[in-house]
N, C-alpha and C. Protein backbone atom coordinates (compact mmCIF):
# COMPACT_ATOMS: atom_id res chain seq x y z
N MET A 1 111.20 -16.00 128.01
CA MET A 1 112.09 -14.93 128.39
C MET A 1 112.80 -15.34 129.68
N ARG A 2 114.08 -15.16 129.72
CA ARG A 2 114.87 -15.48 130.90
C ARG A 2 115.22 -14.19 131.62
N LEU A 3 114.90 -14.14 132.90
CA LEU A 3 115.21 -12.95 133.69
C LEU A 3 116.62 -13.05 134.25
N GLN A 4 117.32 -11.98 134.18
CA GLN A 4 118.66 -11.92 134.75
C GLN A 4 118.57 -11.26 136.11
N ARG A 5 118.99 -11.98 137.13
CA ARG A 5 118.93 -11.43 138.48
C ARG A 5 120.16 -11.87 139.24
N LYS A 6 120.80 -10.94 139.89
CA LYS A 6 121.98 -11.24 140.66
C LYS A 6 121.57 -11.79 142.03
N ILE A 7 122.15 -12.89 142.41
CA ILE A 7 121.87 -13.48 143.72
C ILE A 7 122.76 -12.80 144.74
N SER A 8 122.14 -12.21 145.76
CA SER A 8 122.92 -11.47 146.75
C SER A 8 123.41 -12.36 147.88
N ARG A 9 122.64 -13.43 148.18
CA ARG A 9 123.10 -14.36 149.21
C ARG A 9 122.29 -15.64 149.14
N ILE A 10 122.93 -16.70 149.53
CA ILE A 10 122.27 -18.00 149.60
C ILE A 10 122.25 -18.41 151.06
N LEU A 11 121.07 -18.79 151.54
CA LEU A 11 120.93 -19.17 152.94
C LEU A 11 120.60 -20.65 153.03
N TRP A 12 121.18 -21.32 153.97
CA TRP A 12 120.91 -22.73 154.18
C TRP A 12 120.96 -23.02 155.67
N LYS A 13 120.66 -24.25 156.04
CA LYS A 13 120.76 -24.64 157.43
C LYS A 13 121.67 -25.85 157.53
N PRO A 14 122.36 -26.05 158.61
CA PRO A 14 122.39 -25.15 159.75
C PRO A 14 123.34 -24.00 159.49
N SER A 15 122.88 -22.81 159.67
CA SER A 15 123.70 -21.63 159.47
C SER A 15 123.22 -20.51 160.37
N LYS A 16 124.13 -19.96 161.14
CA LYS A 16 123.80 -18.83 161.99
C LYS A 16 123.37 -17.64 161.12
N HIS A 17 123.95 -17.54 159.94
CA HIS A 17 123.62 -16.43 159.03
C HIS A 17 122.15 -16.46 158.62
N THR A 18 121.60 -17.65 158.47
CA THR A 18 120.20 -17.78 158.09
C THR A 18 119.30 -17.19 159.17
N LEU A 19 119.54 -17.59 160.41
CA LEU A 19 118.71 -17.07 161.50
C LEU A 19 118.97 -15.59 161.73
N ASP A 20 120.22 -15.14 161.63
CA ASP A 20 120.53 -13.71 161.76
C ASP A 20 119.76 -12.90 160.72
N TYR A 21 119.68 -13.42 159.50
CA TYR A 21 118.95 -12.73 158.43
C TYR A 21 117.46 -12.64 158.76
N ILE A 22 116.89 -13.75 159.25
CA ILE A 22 115.47 -13.74 159.62
C ILE A 22 115.22 -12.73 160.73
N ILE A 23 116.08 -12.69 161.73
CA ILE A 23 115.94 -11.75 162.84
C ILE A 23 116.03 -10.32 162.32
N GLN A 24 116.99 -10.06 161.47
CA GLN A 24 117.17 -8.70 160.92
C GLN A 24 115.97 -8.26 160.09
N GLU A 25 115.46 -9.15 159.25
CA GLU A 25 114.37 -8.79 158.36
C GLU A 25 113.02 -8.67 159.07
N THR A 26 112.80 -9.46 160.13
CA THR A 26 111.50 -9.47 160.78
C THR A 26 111.44 -8.62 162.04
N GLY A 27 112.60 -8.43 162.69
CA GLY A 27 112.61 -7.70 163.94
C GLY A 27 112.28 -8.57 165.15
N TYR A 28 112.06 -9.85 164.93
CA TYR A 28 111.78 -10.77 166.04
C TYR A 28 113.06 -11.08 166.81
N GLU A 29 112.90 -11.43 168.07
CA GLU A 29 114.00 -11.90 168.89
C GLU A 29 114.15 -13.41 168.68
N PRO A 30 115.35 -13.95 168.93
CA PRO A 30 115.54 -15.39 168.72
C PRO A 30 114.54 -16.26 169.48
N ASP A 31 114.16 -15.85 170.69
CA ASP A 31 113.22 -16.67 171.46
C ASP A 31 111.78 -16.52 171.00
N GLU A 32 111.54 -15.70 169.97
CA GLU A 32 110.20 -15.53 169.41
C GLU A 32 110.03 -16.28 168.08
N ILE A 33 111.07 -17.00 167.68
CA ILE A 33 111.06 -17.66 166.38
C ILE A 33 111.01 -19.18 166.56
N ALA A 34 110.15 -19.82 165.81
CA ALA A 34 110.08 -21.28 165.80
C ALA A 34 110.56 -21.77 164.44
N ILE A 35 111.40 -22.76 164.46
CA ILE A 35 111.89 -23.35 163.21
C ILE A 35 111.23 -24.71 163.03
N VAL A 36 110.60 -24.87 161.90
CA VAL A 36 109.98 -26.15 161.55
C VAL A 36 110.83 -26.75 160.44
N GLY A 37 111.29 -27.96 160.68
CA GLY A 37 112.19 -28.54 159.70
C GLY A 37 111.93 -30.01 159.46
N ASP A 38 112.85 -30.58 158.71
CA ASP A 38 112.71 -31.98 158.33
C ASP A 38 113.77 -32.88 158.95
N ARG A 39 114.79 -32.30 159.53
CA ARG A 39 115.86 -33.08 160.15
C ARG A 39 116.17 -32.49 161.51
N LEU A 40 115.91 -33.25 162.53
CA LEU A 40 116.05 -32.77 163.90
C LEU A 40 117.47 -32.27 164.18
N TYR A 41 118.48 -33.01 163.75
CA TYR A 41 119.86 -32.63 164.08
C TYR A 41 120.28 -31.30 163.44
N THR A 42 119.81 -30.99 162.24
CA THR A 42 120.18 -29.71 161.62
C THR A 42 119.34 -28.58 162.17
N ASP A 43 118.10 -28.84 162.50
CA ASP A 43 117.22 -27.80 163.03
C ASP A 43 117.71 -27.36 164.43
N ILE A 44 118.13 -28.33 165.24
CA ILE A 44 118.67 -28.00 166.56
C ILE A 44 120.01 -27.30 166.42
N ALA A 45 120.80 -27.67 165.44
CA ALA A 45 122.11 -27.04 165.24
C ALA A 45 121.97 -25.55 164.97
N VAL A 46 120.94 -25.13 164.24
CA VAL A 46 120.72 -23.70 163.99
C VAL A 46 120.47 -22.98 165.31
N ALA A 47 119.61 -23.52 166.14
CA ALA A 47 119.29 -22.89 167.42
C ALA A 47 120.52 -22.85 168.33
N ASP A 48 121.31 -23.91 168.35
CA ASP A 48 122.51 -23.95 169.18
C ASP A 48 123.51 -22.86 168.79
N GLN A 49 123.58 -22.53 167.53
CA GLN A 49 124.52 -21.50 167.07
C GLN A 49 124.13 -20.11 167.52
N VAL A 50 122.85 -19.89 167.73
CA VAL A 50 122.36 -18.55 168.08
C VAL A 50 122.33 -18.34 169.59
N MET A 51 121.99 -19.39 170.31
CA MET A 51 121.84 -19.26 171.76
C MET A 51 123.15 -19.13 172.46
C-alpha cells in the first residue's frame, strides 16, 4: 500500500529556514542548539546565517 502524503516543506543545510524551524518547533534559543554534522563548512554556514 502506498501512502499519499503532501510534503509541506523540505529542509536542508545550509539554510536559515532549517534552524528557524527547529527554533520554532522546540522553543530553544539559537545559543542553546548544537548542530552535529558531516561537513564543517556547511555546518558553520548555518550558524553564520542565524547569528
